[in-house]
Amino acid sequence: MKGVLCLIILLIIYIPITYFIIKKGKKKVVKIILIALALLFSPIISLIIWFNIPYYYLAPFEGKVIDTDTRQPIEGAAVLAVYYKTVYTIAGSNSYPVDAQETLTDKNGEFKIPEITKWSWGQKGYPEGHIVIFKPGYGVFPDHRGTIAVGVDSGWWPPPGKYTVYELPKLKTREERKDNLIFSRPDIPYKKMRNFINLINEEYSTLGLPGISIPKKER
């Protein structure tokens, strides 16, 4: 909105000036001034328009999930792409989730989360996408230290749009499975990660533990 206001102010200033010069009959001067103004303000106006377009983009993710030991595909794993927006202030930066997409892996262990481009006044920009993968009985990616995104340097998130193979280790004991449930869950509405939460609750039930409660209005 600030950019739009700046554009309006510029027009308020220069339209009367142009009109005054035209009224005085100095057409050559008007032509020179208009060309100069066009060269001077075109980049500025372009930037103002660009940063105020209600454009919203969610990056795609695709890949395959396999068992670390057997190298076999893992079917039915929940793959959740969470998109974060970062706000920068004097005190530092702060990231928070603004949207999410999810899917389940097929019989070949493969998944594809689509690219989404839409017009939206409520959300604008290019939030950064992070992947979380959960399957009961397996280490959760990326929190479990035994999980791997093949070809991605440790400490970095897999890049959007690149086909990536994810390795999940099979958990052998009840304690391992309990500890695996202790990880940071995104603050996203249930409807955005229904499969993900259902699989987590399935694991809780298998272990005889109370699951994640879901508000009635979101069921």
N, C-alpha and C. Protein backbone atom coordinates (compact mmCIF):
# COMPACT_ATOMS: atom_id res chain seq x y z
N MET A 1 0.82 -1.21 0.00
CA MET A 1 0.00 0.00 0.00
C MET A 1 0.85 1.27 0.00
N LYS A 2 2.00 1.22 0.68
CA LYS A 2 2.89 2.39 0.69
C LYS A 2 3.37 2.71 -0.72
N GLY A 3 3.67 1.65 -1.51
CA GLY A 3 4.13 1.86 -2.87
C GLY A 3 3.06 2.52 -3.73
N VAL A 4 1.82 2.09 -3.56
CA VAL A 4 0.72 2.69 -4.31
C VAL A 4 0.57 4.16 -3.94
N LEU A 5 0.72 4.47 -2.65
CA LEU A 5 0.61 5.85 -2.19
C LEU A 5 1.70 6.72 -2.81
N CYS A 6 2.92 6.18 -2.89
CA CYS A 6 4.03 6.92 -3.52
C CYS A 6 3.73 7.21 -4.98
N LEU A 7 3.17 6.22 -5.68
CA LEU A 7 2.82 6.40 -7.09
C LEU A 7 1.78 7.50 -7.27
N ILE A 8 0.80 7.51 -6.39
CA ILE A 8 -0.25 8.54 -6.45
C ILE A 8 0.34 9.93 -6.22
N ILE A 9 1.26 10.04 -5.27
CA ILE A 9 1.90 11.33 -4.97
C ILE A 9 2.68 11.84 -6.18
N LEU A 10 3.41 10.92 -6.84
CA LEU A 10 4.17 11.30 -8.03
C LEU A 10 3.25 11.83 -9.12
N LEU A 11 2.13 11.16 -9.32
CA LEU A 11 1.18 11.61 -10.34
C LEU A 11 0.58 12.96 -9.98
N ILE A 12 0.29 13.16 -8.71
CA ILE A 12 -0.28 14.44 -8.26
C ILE A 12 0.69 15.59 -8.51
N ILE A 13 1.98 15.31 -8.35
CA ILE A 13 3.00 16.36 -8.54
C ILE A 13 3.21 16.67 -10.01
N TYR A 14 3.35 15.63 -10.84
CA TYR A 14 3.79 15.85 -12.22
C TYR A 14 2.67 16.10 -13.23
N ILE A 15 1.48 15.65 -12.97
CA ILE A 15 0.38 15.93 -13.91
C ILE A 15 0.08 17.43 -13.97
N PRO A 16 -0.04 18.15 -12.84
CA PRO A 16 -0.26 19.60 -12.91
C PRO A 16 0.88 20.36 -13.60
N ILE A 17 2.13 19.90 -13.34
CA ILE A 17 3.28 20.56 -13.97
C ILE A 17 3.20 20.42 -15.49
N THR A 18 2.91 19.19 -15.94
CA THR A 18 2.79 18.93 -17.39
C THR A 18 1.66 19.76 -18.01
N TYR A 19 0.54 19.82 -17.32
CA TYR A 19 -0.62 20.59 -17.80
C TYR A 19 -0.28 22.08 -17.93
N PHE A 20 0.44 22.60 -16.95
CA PHE A 20 0.81 24.03 -16.96
C PHE A 20 1.70 24.35 -18.15
N ILE A 21 2.67 23.44 -18.42
CA ILE A 21 3.60 23.67 -19.52
C ILE A 21 2.87 23.59 -20.86
N ILE A 22 1.95 22.61 -20.99
CA ILE A 22 1.16 22.47 -22.23
C ILE A 22 0.32 23.72 -22.46
N LYS A 23 -0.26 24.23 -21.39
CA LYS A 23 -1.12 25.42 -21.48
C LYS A 23 -0.34 26.63 -21.98
N LYS A 24 0.95 26.66 -21.61
CA LYS A 24 1.80 27.77 -22.04
C LYS A 24 2.25 27.61 -23.50
N GLY A 25 1.95 26.46 -24.09
CA GLY A 25 2.25 26.25 -25.51
C GLY A 25 3.67 25.79 -25.78
N LYS A 26 4.37 25.34 -24.79
CA LYS A 26 5.75 24.92 -24.99
C LYS A 26 5.79 23.40 -25.22
N LYS A 27 5.38 23.00 -26.42
CA LYS A 27 5.25 21.58 -26.72
C LYS A 27 6.58 20.84 -26.75
N LYS A 28 7.62 21.50 -27.28
CA LYS A 28 8.95 20.85 -27.33
C LYS A 28 9.47 20.60 -25.92
N VAL A 29 9.24 21.59 -25.06
CA VAL A 29 9.69 21.43 -23.66
C VAL A 29 8.93 20.28 -23.00
N VAL A 30 7.61 20.21 -23.30
CA VAL A 30 6.80 19.14 -22.73
C VAL A 30 7.33 17.77 -23.17
N LYS A 31 7.65 17.67 -24.47
CA LYS A 31 8.14 16.40 -25.00
C LYS A 31 9.43 15.97 -24.31
N ILE A 32 10.33 16.92 -24.14
CA ILE A 32 11.62 16.61 -23.49
C ILE A 32 11.40 16.19 -22.05
N ILE A 33 10.52 16.92 -21.36
CA ILE A 33 10.26 16.62 -19.95
C ILE A 33 9.61 15.25 -19.79
N LEU A 34 8.66 14.93 -20.68
CA LEU A 34 7.99 13.63 -20.60
C LEU A 34 8.96 12.47 -20.83
N ILE A 35 9.85 12.65 -21.80
CA ILE A 35 10.86 11.61 -22.07
C ILE A 35 11.77 11.44 -20.86
N ALA A 36 12.20 12.58 -20.29
CA ALA A 36 13.09 12.53 -19.12
C ALA A 36 12.40 11.86 -17.94
N LEU A 37 11.13 12.22 -17.73
CA LEU A 37 10.38 11.63 -16.63
C LEU A 37 10.17 10.13 -16.84
N ALA A 38 9.92 9.75 -18.09
CA ALA A 38 9.73 8.33 -18.39
C ALA A 38 10.99 7.53 -18.08
N LEU A 39 12.14 8.08 -18.49
CA LEU A 39 13.41 7.40 -18.23
C LEU A 39 13.73 7.36 -16.74
N LEU A 40 13.37 8.43 -16.05
CA LEU A 40 13.70 8.53 -14.63
C LEU A 40 12.80 7.66 -13.75
N PHE A 41 11.50 7.67 -14.06
CA PHE A 41 10.56 7.05 -13.14
C PHE A 41 10.04 5.67 -13.57
N SER A 42 10.34 5.26 -14.79
CA SER A 42 9.89 3.93 -15.21
C SER A 42 10.39 2.81 -14.29
N PRO A 43 11.69 2.78 -13.96
CA PRO A 43 12.16 1.72 -13.04
C PRO A 43 11.49 1.82 -11.67
N ILE A 44 11.31 3.05 -11.19
CA ILE A 44 10.70 3.22 -9.87
C ILE A 44 9.26 2.74 -9.87
N ILE A 45 8.51 3.14 -10.90
CA ILE A 45 7.10 2.73 -11.01
C ILE A 45 6.99 1.22 -11.17
N SER A 46 7.91 0.63 -11.95
CA SER A 46 7.90 -0.82 -12.13
C SER A 46 8.09 -1.55 -10.81
N LEU A 47 9.03 -1.06 -10.01
CA LEU A 47 9.28 -1.68 -8.70
C LEU A 47 8.09 -1.52 -7.77
N ILE A 48 7.48 -0.34 -7.80
CA ILE A 48 6.31 -0.08 -6.96
C ILE A 48 5.18 -1.05 -7.32
N ILE A 49 4.94 -1.21 -8.61
CA ILE A 49 3.88 -2.11 -9.06
C ILE A 49 4.21 -3.56 -8.70
N TRP A 50 5.47 -3.96 -8.94
CA TRP A 50 5.90 -5.34 -8.67
C TRP A 50 5.69 -5.74 -7.22
N PHE A 51 6.12 -4.86 -6.30
CA PHE A 51 6.03 -5.19 -4.89
C PHE A 51 4.62 -5.05 -4.32
N ASN A 52 3.68 -4.55 -5.11
CA ASN A 52 2.32 -4.41 -4.62
C ASN A 52 1.33 -5.32 -5.35
N ILE A 53 1.82 -6.15 -6.27
CA ILE A 53 0.94 -7.11 -6.94
C ILE A 53 0.60 -8.22 -5.93
N PRO A 54 -0.67 -8.57 -5.81
CA PRO A 54 -1.08 -9.61 -4.85
C PRO A 54 -0.78 -11.01 -5.37
N TYR A 55 0.51 -11.33 -5.51
CA TYR A 55 0.96 -12.57 -6.13
C TYR A 55 1.49 -13.50 -5.04
N TYR A 56 1.03 -14.76 -5.06
CA TYR A 56 1.37 -15.71 -4.01
C TYR A 56 1.86 -17.00 -4.65
N TYR A 57 3.03 -17.49 -4.21
CA TYR A 57 3.66 -18.64 -4.86
C TYR A 57 4.12 -19.66 -3.83
N LEU A 58 3.71 -20.94 -4.04
CA LEU A 58 4.17 -22.04 -3.21
C LEU A 58 5.00 -22.97 -4.08
N ALA A 59 6.23 -23.21 -3.67
CA ALA A 59 7.16 -24.01 -4.48
C ALA A 59 6.79 -25.50 -4.47
N PRO A 60 7.11 -26.20 -5.57
CA PRO A 60 6.81 -27.64 -5.66
C PRO A 60 7.92 -28.48 -5.03
N PHE A 61 7.56 -29.70 -4.63
CA PHE A 61 8.53 -30.67 -4.12
C PHE A 61 8.19 -32.03 -4.70
N GLU A 62 9.21 -32.80 -5.02
CA GLU A 62 8.98 -34.16 -5.48
C GLU A 62 10.17 -35.04 -5.13
N GLY A 63 9.90 -36.34 -5.01
CA GLY A 63 11.00 -37.23 -4.67
C GLY A 63 10.51 -38.63 -4.35
N LYS A 64 11.35 -39.35 -3.60
CA LYS A 64 11.06 -40.74 -3.26
C LYS A 64 11.53 -41.00 -1.83
N VAL A 65 10.74 -41.78 -1.09
CA VAL A 65 11.07 -42.12 0.29
C VAL A 65 11.37 -43.61 0.36
N ILE A 66 12.55 -43.96 0.89
CA ILE A 66 12.96 -45.37 0.96
C ILE A 66 13.44 -45.74 2.36
N ASP A 67 13.46 -47.05 2.61
CA ASP A 67 13.98 -47.61 3.86
C ASP A 67 15.51 -47.56 3.80
N THR A 68 16.13 -47.02 4.82
CA THR A 68 17.59 -46.85 4.84
C THR A 68 18.32 -48.18 4.65
N ASP A 69 17.83 -49.25 5.31
CA ASP A 69 18.53 -50.52 5.29
C ASP A 69 18.19 -51.38 4.08
N THR A 70 16.89 -51.52 3.80
CA THR A 70 16.49 -52.43 2.72
C THR A 70 16.51 -51.76 1.34
N ARG A 71 16.52 -50.43 1.33
CA ARG A 71 16.49 -49.64 0.09
C ARG A 71 15.15 -49.77 -0.65
N GLN A 72 14.15 -50.34 0.03
CA GLN A 72 12.83 -50.51 -0.57
C GLN A 72 11.99 -49.25 -0.38
N PRO A 73 11.07 -48.98 -1.30
CA PRO A 73 10.22 -47.80 -1.16
C PRO A 73 9.29 -47.90 0.04
N ILE A 74 9.00 -46.77 0.63
CA ILE A 74 8.07 -46.71 1.76
C ILE A 74 6.76 -46.11 1.26
N GLU A 75 5.73 -46.94 1.26
CA GLU A 75 4.41 -46.49 0.79
C GLU A 75 3.61 -45.91 1.95
N GLY A 76 2.81 -44.89 1.67
CA GLY A 76 1.91 -44.33 2.67
C GLY A 76 2.55 -43.40 3.68
N ALA A 77 3.74 -42.90 3.39
CA ALA A 77 4.36 -41.91 4.28
C ALA A 77 3.74 -40.54 4.01
N ALA A 78 3.51 -39.78 5.07
CA ALA A 78 2.96 -38.43 4.91
C ALA A 78 4.09 -37.46 4.63
N VAL A 79 3.96 -36.73 3.54
CA VAL A 79 4.95 -35.71 3.17
C VAL A 79 4.27 -34.35 3.29
N LEU A 80 4.79 -33.55 4.18
CA LEU A 80 4.18 -32.24 4.47
C LEU A 80 5.16 -31.13 4.08
N ALA A 81 4.73 -30.26 3.19
CA ALA A 81 5.52 -29.08 2.83
C ALA A 81 4.95 -27.89 3.59
N VAL A 82 5.77 -27.32 4.45
CA VAL A 82 5.35 -26.16 5.25
C VAL A 82 6.08 -24.93 4.72
N TYR A 83 5.33 -23.87 4.49
CA TYR A 83 5.89 -22.66 3.90
C TYR A 83 5.98 -21.56 4.95
N TYR A 84 7.19 -21.02 5.10
CA TYR A 84 7.47 -20.03 6.13
C TYR A 84 7.76 -18.65 5.54
N LYS A 85 7.25 -17.65 6.22
CA LYS A 85 7.54 -16.27 5.86
C LYS A 85 8.48 -15.69 6.91
N THR A 86 9.49 -14.97 6.48
CA THR A 86 10.46 -14.38 7.40
C THR A 86 10.28 -12.87 7.47
N VAL A 87 10.22 -12.37 8.68
CA VAL A 87 10.10 -10.93 8.92
C VAL A 87 11.40 -10.45 9.56
N TYR A 88 11.97 -9.40 8.98
CA TYR A 88 13.23 -8.86 9.49
C TYR A 88 12.99 -7.56 10.27
N THR A 89 13.57 -7.50 11.45
CA THR A 89 13.46 -6.31 12.29
C THR A 89 14.83 -5.92 12.81
N ILE A 90 14.89 -4.85 13.55
CA ILE A 90 16.17 -4.41 14.14
C ILE A 90 16.71 -5.47 15.08
N ALA A 91 15.80 -6.14 15.78
CA ALA A 91 16.21 -7.15 16.76
C ALA A 91 16.64 -8.47 16.11
N GLY A 92 16.38 -8.62 14.82
CA GLY A 92 16.73 -9.86 14.12
C GLY A 92 15.60 -10.32 13.22
N SER A 93 15.63 -11.59 12.86
CA SER A 93 14.59 -12.12 11.97
C SER A 93 13.71 -13.13 12.70
N ASN A 94 12.50 -13.27 12.23
CA ASN A 94 11.56 -14.21 12.82
C ASN A 94 10.76 -14.88 11.71
N SER A 95 10.73 -16.22 11.72
CA SER A 95 10.00 -16.98 10.70
C SER A 95 8.77 -17.63 11.30
N TYR A 96 7.69 -17.66 10.54
CA TYR A 96 6.46 -18.30 11.01
C TYR A 96 5.75 -18.94 9.83
N PRO A 97 5.05 -20.07 10.06
CA PRO A 97 4.37 -20.77 8.97
C PRO A 97 3.15 -20.01 8.48
N VAL A 98 2.97 -19.96 7.16
CA VAL A 98 1.83 -19.25 6.58
C VAL A 98 0.94 -20.17 5.74
N ASP A 99 1.47 -21.34 5.35
CA ASP A 99 0.67 -22.24 4.53
C ASP A 99 1.31 -23.63 4.52
N ALA A 100 0.60 -24.60 3.96
CA ALA A 100 1.14 -25.96 3.89
C ALA A 100 0.42 -26.75 2.81
N GLN A 101 1.10 -27.78 2.32
CA GLN A 101 0.52 -28.75 1.39
C GLN A 101 1.00 -30.13 1.84
N GLU A 102 0.20 -31.15 1.60
CA GLU A 102 0.63 -32.50 1.98
C GLU A 102 0.18 -33.53 0.95
N THR A 103 0.83 -34.67 1.01
CA THR A 103 0.46 -35.80 0.16
C THR A 103 0.99 -37.07 0.82
N LEU A 104 0.62 -38.23 0.24
CA LEU A 104 1.13 -39.52 0.71
C LEU A 104 1.97 -40.15 -0.40
N THR A 105 3.00 -40.89 0.00
CA THR A 105 3.82 -41.57 -1.01
C THR A 105 3.03 -42.75 -1.61
N ASP A 106 3.27 -43.02 -2.89
CA ASP A 106 2.58 -44.12 -3.56
C ASP A 106 3.31 -45.44 -3.34
N LYS A 107 2.91 -46.49 -4.06
CA LYS A 107 3.50 -47.82 -3.87
C LYS A 107 4.98 -47.85 -4.23
N ASN A 108 5.43 -46.87 -5.01
CA ASN A 108 6.85 -46.78 -5.37
C ASN A 108 7.61 -45.85 -4.42
N GLY A 109 6.92 -45.39 -3.40
CA GLY A 109 7.55 -44.48 -2.43
C GLY A 109 7.68 -43.06 -2.94
N GLU A 110 7.06 -42.77 -4.08
CA GLU A 110 7.23 -41.46 -4.69
C GLU A 110 6.10 -40.50 -4.31
N PHE A 111 6.41 -39.24 -4.39
CA PHE A 111 5.42 -38.20 -4.07
C PHE A 111 5.68 -36.98 -4.94
N LYS A 112 4.65 -36.17 -5.06
CA LYS A 112 4.79 -34.91 -5.79
C LYS A 112 3.84 -33.88 -5.18
N ILE A 113 4.41 -32.79 -4.70
CA ILE A 113 3.63 -31.68 -4.18
C ILE A 113 3.67 -30.58 -5.24
N PRO A 114 2.51 -30.16 -5.72
CA PRO A 114 2.49 -29.26 -6.88
C PRO A 114 2.89 -27.82 -6.58
N GLU A 115 3.29 -27.15 -7.65
CA GLU A 115 3.54 -25.72 -7.60
C GLU A 115 2.19 -25.00 -7.60
N ILE A 116 2.07 -24.00 -6.75
CA ILE A 116 0.82 -23.23 -6.69
C ILE A 116 1.13 -21.75 -6.88
N THR A 117 0.45 -21.17 -7.85
CA THR A 117 0.54 -19.74 -8.09
C THR A 117 -0.87 -19.18 -8.04
N LYS A 118 -1.08 -18.19 -7.22
CA LYS A 118 -2.43 -17.64 -7.13
C LYS A 118 -2.38 -16.16 -6.77
N TRP A 119 -3.49 -15.49 -7.05
CA TRP A 119 -3.64 -14.09 -6.70
C TRP A 119 -4.32 -14.01 -5.34
N SER A 120 -3.71 -13.28 -4.44
CA SER A 120 -4.25 -13.20 -3.09
C SER A 120 -3.85 -11.89 -2.44
N TRP A 121 -4.85 -11.18 -1.91
CA TRP A 121 -4.55 -9.95 -1.17
C TRP A 121 -4.13 -10.27 0.26
N GLY A 122 -4.61 -11.43 0.76
CA GLY A 122 -4.28 -11.79 2.14
C GLY A 122 -2.84 -12.20 2.32
N GLN A 123 -2.30 -12.97 1.36
CA GLN A 123 -0.92 -13.44 1.42
C GLN A 123 -0.23 -13.06 0.12
N LYS A 124 0.98 -12.53 0.24
CA LYS A 124 1.76 -12.19 -0.95
C LYS A 124 3.19 -12.68 -0.78
N GLY A 125 3.86 -12.88 -1.91
CA GLY A 125 5.29 -13.18 -1.86
C GLY A 125 5.64 -14.63 -2.12
N TYR A 126 6.84 -15.00 -1.68
CA TYR A 126 7.41 -16.32 -1.94
C TYR A 126 7.87 -16.95 -0.62
N PRO A 127 6.94 -17.47 0.17
CA PRO A 127 7.37 -18.10 1.43
C PRO A 127 8.27 -19.30 1.17
N GLU A 128 9.22 -19.51 2.07
CA GLU A 128 10.19 -20.60 1.91
C GLU A 128 9.60 -21.93 2.36
N GLY A 129 9.71 -22.95 1.52
CA GLY A 129 9.13 -24.26 1.82
C GLY A 129 10.11 -25.22 2.47
N HIS A 130 9.65 -25.93 3.51
CA HIS A 130 10.42 -26.97 4.17
C HIS A 130 9.62 -28.26 4.18
N ILE A 131 10.31 -29.39 4.02
CA ILE A 131 9.65 -30.69 3.96
C ILE A 131 9.77 -31.43 5.29
N VAL A 132 8.64 -32.06 5.71
CA VAL A 132 8.63 -32.96 6.86
C VAL A 132 8.01 -34.28 6.39
N ILE A 133 8.64 -35.40 6.74
CA ILE A 133 8.14 -36.72 6.31
C ILE A 133 7.95 -37.62 7.53
N PHE A 134 6.76 -38.22 7.63
CA PHE A 134 6.48 -39.10 8.77
C PHE A 134 5.80 -40.38 8.30
N LYS A 135 6.28 -41.49 8.86
CA LYS A 135 5.68 -42.81 8.64
C LYS A 135 5.82 -43.58 9.95
N PRO A 136 4.72 -44.11 10.50
CA PRO A 136 4.83 -44.86 11.75
C PRO A 136 5.90 -45.95 11.67
N GLY A 137 6.74 -45.99 12.71
CA GLY A 137 7.79 -47.00 12.76
C GLY A 137 9.10 -46.58 12.14
N TYR A 138 9.12 -45.36 11.55
CA TYR A 138 10.34 -44.86 10.91
C TYR A 138 10.75 -43.51 11.51
N GLY A 139 12.03 -43.19 11.40
CA GLY A 139 12.52 -41.90 11.87
C GLY A 139 11.91 -40.77 11.06
N VAL A 140 11.50 -39.71 11.74
CA VAL A 140 10.86 -38.59 11.06
C VAL A 140 11.92 -37.68 10.43
N PHE A 141 11.69 -37.31 9.20
CA PHE A 141 12.61 -36.37 8.52
C PHE A 141 12.10 -34.95 8.73
N PRO A 142 12.98 -33.99 9.09
CA PRO A 142 14.44 -34.09 9.18
C PRO A 142 14.96 -34.24 10.61
N ASP A 143 14.05 -34.35 11.60
CA ASP A 143 14.47 -34.29 13.00
C ASP A 143 15.27 -35.51 13.47
N HIS A 144 14.93 -36.69 12.96
CA HIS A 144 15.68 -37.87 13.38
C HIS A 144 17.05 -37.85 12.72
N ARG A 145 18.08 -38.05 13.52
CA ARG A 145 19.46 -37.91 13.00
C ARG A 145 19.84 -38.98 11.98
N GLY A 146 19.05 -40.07 11.92
CA GLY A 146 19.36 -41.12 10.95
C GLY A 146 18.75 -40.89 9.58
N THR A 147 17.93 -39.85 9.44
CA THR A 147 17.31 -39.58 8.13
C THR A 147 18.27 -38.82 7.23
N ILE A 148 18.13 -39.06 5.93
CA ILE A 148 19.03 -38.43 4.96
C ILE A 148 18.24 -37.96 3.74
N ALA A 149 18.57 -36.78 3.26
CA ALA A 149 18.12 -36.32 1.94
C ALA A 149 19.32 -36.48 1.03
N VAL A 150 19.30 -37.48 0.18
CA VAL A 150 20.46 -37.84 -0.65
C VAL A 150 20.85 -36.68 -1.56
N GLY A 151 22.15 -36.35 -1.51
CA GLY A 151 22.67 -35.29 -2.37
C GLY A 151 22.51 -33.89 -1.82
N VAL A 152 21.97 -33.80 -0.60
CA VAL A 152 21.79 -32.48 0.03
C VAL A 152 22.75 -32.38 1.21
N ASP A 153 23.52 -31.30 1.27
CA ASP A 153 24.47 -31.12 2.35
C ASP A 153 23.77 -31.09 3.69
N SER A 154 24.41 -31.70 4.69
CA SER A 154 23.85 -31.71 6.03
C SER A 154 23.63 -30.29 6.54
N GLY A 155 22.48 -30.06 7.16
CA GLY A 155 22.18 -28.73 7.69
C GLY A 155 21.41 -27.85 6.72
N TRP A 156 21.24 -28.34 5.46
CA TRP A 156 20.50 -27.57 4.46
C TRP A 156 19.20 -28.27 4.13
N TRP A 157 18.18 -27.48 3.77
CA TRP A 157 16.90 -28.05 3.37
C TRP A 157 16.99 -28.46 1.90
N PRO A 158 16.32 -29.57 1.53
CA PRO A 158 16.27 -29.96 0.11
C PRO A 158 15.65 -28.85 -0.72
N PRO A 159 16.25 -28.52 -1.86
CA PRO A 159 15.72 -27.43 -2.68
C PRO A 159 14.40 -27.78 -3.34
N PRO A 160 13.48 -26.82 -3.46
CA PRO A 160 12.21 -27.07 -4.15
C PRO A 160 12.44 -27.40 -5.62
N GLY A 161 11.55 -28.23 -6.16
CA GLY A 161 11.59 -28.52 -7.58
C GLY A 161 12.60 -29.58 -7.98
N LYS A 162 13.48 -29.98 -7.08
CA LYS A 162 14.49 -30.99 -7.42
C LYS A 162 14.05 -32.35 -6.88
N TYR A 163 14.09 -33.37 -7.75
CA TYR A 163 13.73 -34.72 -7.34
C TYR A 163 14.78 -35.21 -6.33
N THR A 164 14.32 -35.54 -5.13
CA THR A 164 15.23 -35.92 -4.05
C THR A 164 14.80 -37.23 -3.43
N VAL A 165 15.77 -38.08 -3.12
CA VAL A 165 15.50 -39.35 -2.45
C VAL A 165 15.74 -39.16 -0.95
N TYR A 166 14.77 -39.58 -0.16
CA TYR A 166 14.85 -39.46 1.30
C TYR A 166 14.95 -40.85 1.92
N GLU A 167 15.93 -41.01 2.79
CA GLU A 167 16.13 -42.29 3.47
C GLU A 167 15.67 -42.18 4.92
N LEU A 168 14.77 -43.10 5.31
CA LEU A 168 14.27 -43.13 6.69
C LEU A 168 14.68 -44.45 7.35
N PRO A 169 15.26 -44.39 8.55
CA PRO A 169 15.66 -45.62 9.23
C PRO A 169 14.48 -46.27 9.96
N LYS A 170 14.42 -47.59 9.93
CA LYS A 170 13.40 -48.33 10.65
C LYS A 170 13.73 -48.28 12.14
N LEU A 171 12.76 -47.96 12.97
CA LEU A 171 12.98 -47.88 14.42
C LEU A 171 12.73 -49.25 15.03
N LYS A 172 13.65 -49.70 15.88
CA LYS A 172 13.62 -51.08 16.35
C LYS A 172 12.98 -51.28 17.73
N THR A 173 12.97 -50.26 18.55
CA THR A 173 12.44 -50.43 19.90
C THR A 173 11.29 -49.46 20.16
N ARG A 174 10.51 -49.78 21.21
CA ARG A 174 9.39 -48.91 21.60
C ARG A 174 9.91 -47.54 22.04
N GLU A 175 11.02 -47.53 22.74
CA GLU A 175 11.58 -46.27 23.21
C GLU A 175 12.01 -45.37 22.05
N GLU A 176 12.58 -46.00 21.03
CA GLU A 176 12.97 -45.24 19.85
C GLU A 176 11.74 -44.59 19.20
N ARG A 177 10.66 -45.35 19.14
CA ARG A 177 9.44 -44.84 18.52
C ARG A 177 8.81 -43.72 19.36
N LYS A 178 8.90 -43.84 20.68
CA LYS A 178 8.39 -42.78 21.56
C LYS A 178 9.21 -41.51 21.38
N ASP A 179 10.53 -41.66 21.39
CA ASP A 179 11.41 -40.49 21.24
C ASP A 179 11.21 -39.83 19.87
N ASN A 180 10.87 -40.63 18.88
CA ASN A 180 10.68 -40.12 17.52
C ASN A 180 9.48 -39.18 17.41
N LEU A 181 8.55 -39.31 18.35
CA LEU A 181 7.36 -38.47 18.33
C LEU A 181 7.60 -37.10 18.94
N ILE A 182 8.79 -36.91 19.50
CA ILE A 182 9.12 -35.62 20.09
C ILE A 182 9.86 -34.79 19.04
N PHE A 183 9.12 -34.03 18.28
CA PHE A 183 9.73 -33.15 17.28
C PHE A 183 8.82 -31.94 17.11
N SER A 184 9.38 -30.89 16.53
CA SER A 184 8.64 -29.64 16.38
C SER A 184 7.59 -29.77 15.29
N ARG A 185 6.32 -29.60 15.65
CA ARG A 185 5.23 -29.66 14.68
C ARG A 185 4.83 -28.25 14.28
N PRO A 186 4.62 -28.02 13.02
CA PRO A 186 4.27 -26.67 12.55
C PRO A 186 2.89 -26.22 13.04
N ASP A 187 2.77 -24.94 13.30
CA ASP A 187 1.50 -24.37 13.74
C ASP A 187 0.64 -24.08 12.52
N ILE A 188 0.07 -25.16 11.98
CA ILE A 188 -0.73 -25.10 10.76
C ILE A 188 -2.10 -25.73 11.06
N PRO A 189 -3.19 -25.20 10.51
CA PRO A 189 -4.51 -25.80 10.73
C PRO A 189 -4.55 -27.28 10.34
N TYR A 190 -5.35 -28.05 11.09
CA TYR A 190 -5.45 -29.49 10.87
C TYR A 190 -5.81 -29.84 9.43
N LYS A 191 -6.70 -29.07 8.82
CA LYS A 191 -7.15 -29.38 7.46
C LYS A 191 -6.01 -29.33 6.45
N LYS A 192 -4.92 -28.62 6.80
CA LYS A 192 -3.76 -28.52 5.92
C LYS A 192 -2.80 -29.70 6.07
N MET A 193 -2.94 -30.47 7.16
CA MET A 193 -2.02 -31.59 7.39
C MET A 193 -2.76 -32.78 8.01
N ARG A 194 -3.92 -33.06 7.44
CA ARG A 194 -4.80 -34.12 7.95
C ARG A 194 -4.10 -35.48 7.95
N ASN A 195 -3.48 -35.86 6.82
CA ASN A 195 -2.79 -37.15 6.73
C ASN A 195 -1.63 -37.24 7.71
N PHE A 196 -0.90 -36.15 7.82
CA PHE A 196 0.27 -36.09 8.69
C PHE A 196 -0.14 -36.34 10.15
N ILE A 197 -1.16 -35.62 10.63
CA ILE A 197 -1.61 -35.77 12.01
C ILE A 197 -2.23 -37.15 12.24
N ASN A 198 -2.97 -37.65 11.27
CA ASN A 198 -3.60 -38.97 11.41
C ASN A 198 -2.55 -40.07 11.58
N LEU A 199 -1.45 -39.98 10.84
CA LEU A 199 -0.39 -40.98 10.97
C LEU A 199 0.33 -40.86 12.31
N ILE A 200 0.50 -39.64 12.79
CA ILE A 200 1.11 -39.45 14.10
C ILE A 200 0.23 -40.06 15.18
N ASN A 201 -1.08 -39.81 15.08
CA ASN A 201 -2.01 -40.38 16.06
C ASN A 201 -2.08 -41.90 15.96
N GLU A 202 -1.88 -42.42 14.77
CA GLU A 202 -1.81 -43.88 14.59
C GLU A 202 -0.63 -44.45 15.36
N GLU A 203 0.48 -43.76 15.31
CA GLU A 203 1.68 -44.20 16.05
C GLU A 203 1.46 -44.10 17.56
N TYR A 204 0.85 -42.99 18.00
CA TYR A 204 0.53 -42.85 19.42
C TYR A 204 -0.35 -44.01 19.89
N SER A 205 -1.37 -44.37 19.09
CA SER A 205 -2.29 -45.44 19.44
C SER A 205 -1.57 -46.78 19.52
N THR A 206 -0.67 -47.04 18.57
CA THR A 206 0.11 -48.29 18.57
C THR A 206 0.94 -48.42 19.83
N LEU A 207 1.44 -47.28 20.30
CA LEU A 207 2.29 -47.28 21.50
C LEU A 207 1.48 -47.16 22.79
N GLY A 208 0.15 -47.08 22.65
CA GLY A 208 -0.70 -46.98 23.83
C GLY A 208 -0.63 -45.63 24.52
N LEU A 209 -0.40 -44.59 23.72
CA LEU A 209 -0.27 -43.24 24.27
C LEU A 209 -1.39 -42.35 23.74
N PRO A 210 -1.77 -41.31 24.50
CA PRO A 210 -2.81 -40.38 24.01
C PRO A 210 -2.30 -39.60 22.82
N GLY A 211 -3.14 -39.43 21.83
CA GLY A 211 -2.74 -38.75 20.61
C GLY A 211 -2.93 -37.25 20.67
N ILE A 212 -2.75 -36.61 19.52
CA ILE A 212 -2.92 -35.16 19.40
C ILE A 212 -4.41 -34.87 19.30
N SER A 213 -4.90 -34.02 20.18
CA SER A 213 -6.31 -33.66 20.13
C SER A 213 -6.57 -32.67 18.99
N ILE A 214 -7.66 -32.87 18.32
CA ILE A 214 -8.03 -32.01 17.18
C ILE A 214 -9.29 -31.21 17.54
N PRO A 215 -9.24 -29.91 17.46
CA PRO A 215 -10.43 -29.10 17.77
C PRO A 215 -11.63 -29.52 16.93
N LYS A 216 -12.80 -29.53 17.52
CA LYS A 216 -14.01 -29.98 16.82
C LYS A 216 -14.27 -29.19 15.54
N LYS A 217 -14.00 -27.89 15.61
CA LYS A 217 -14.28 -27.05 14.45
C LYS A 217 -13.37 -27.35 13.25
N GLU A 218 -12.27 -28.09 13.50
CA GLU A 218 -11.34 -28.42 12.42
C GLU A 218 -11.50 -29.86 11.92
N ARG A 219 -12.31 -30.64 12.60
CA ARG A 219 -12.46 -32.05 12.20
C ARG A 219 -13.25 -32.19 10.91
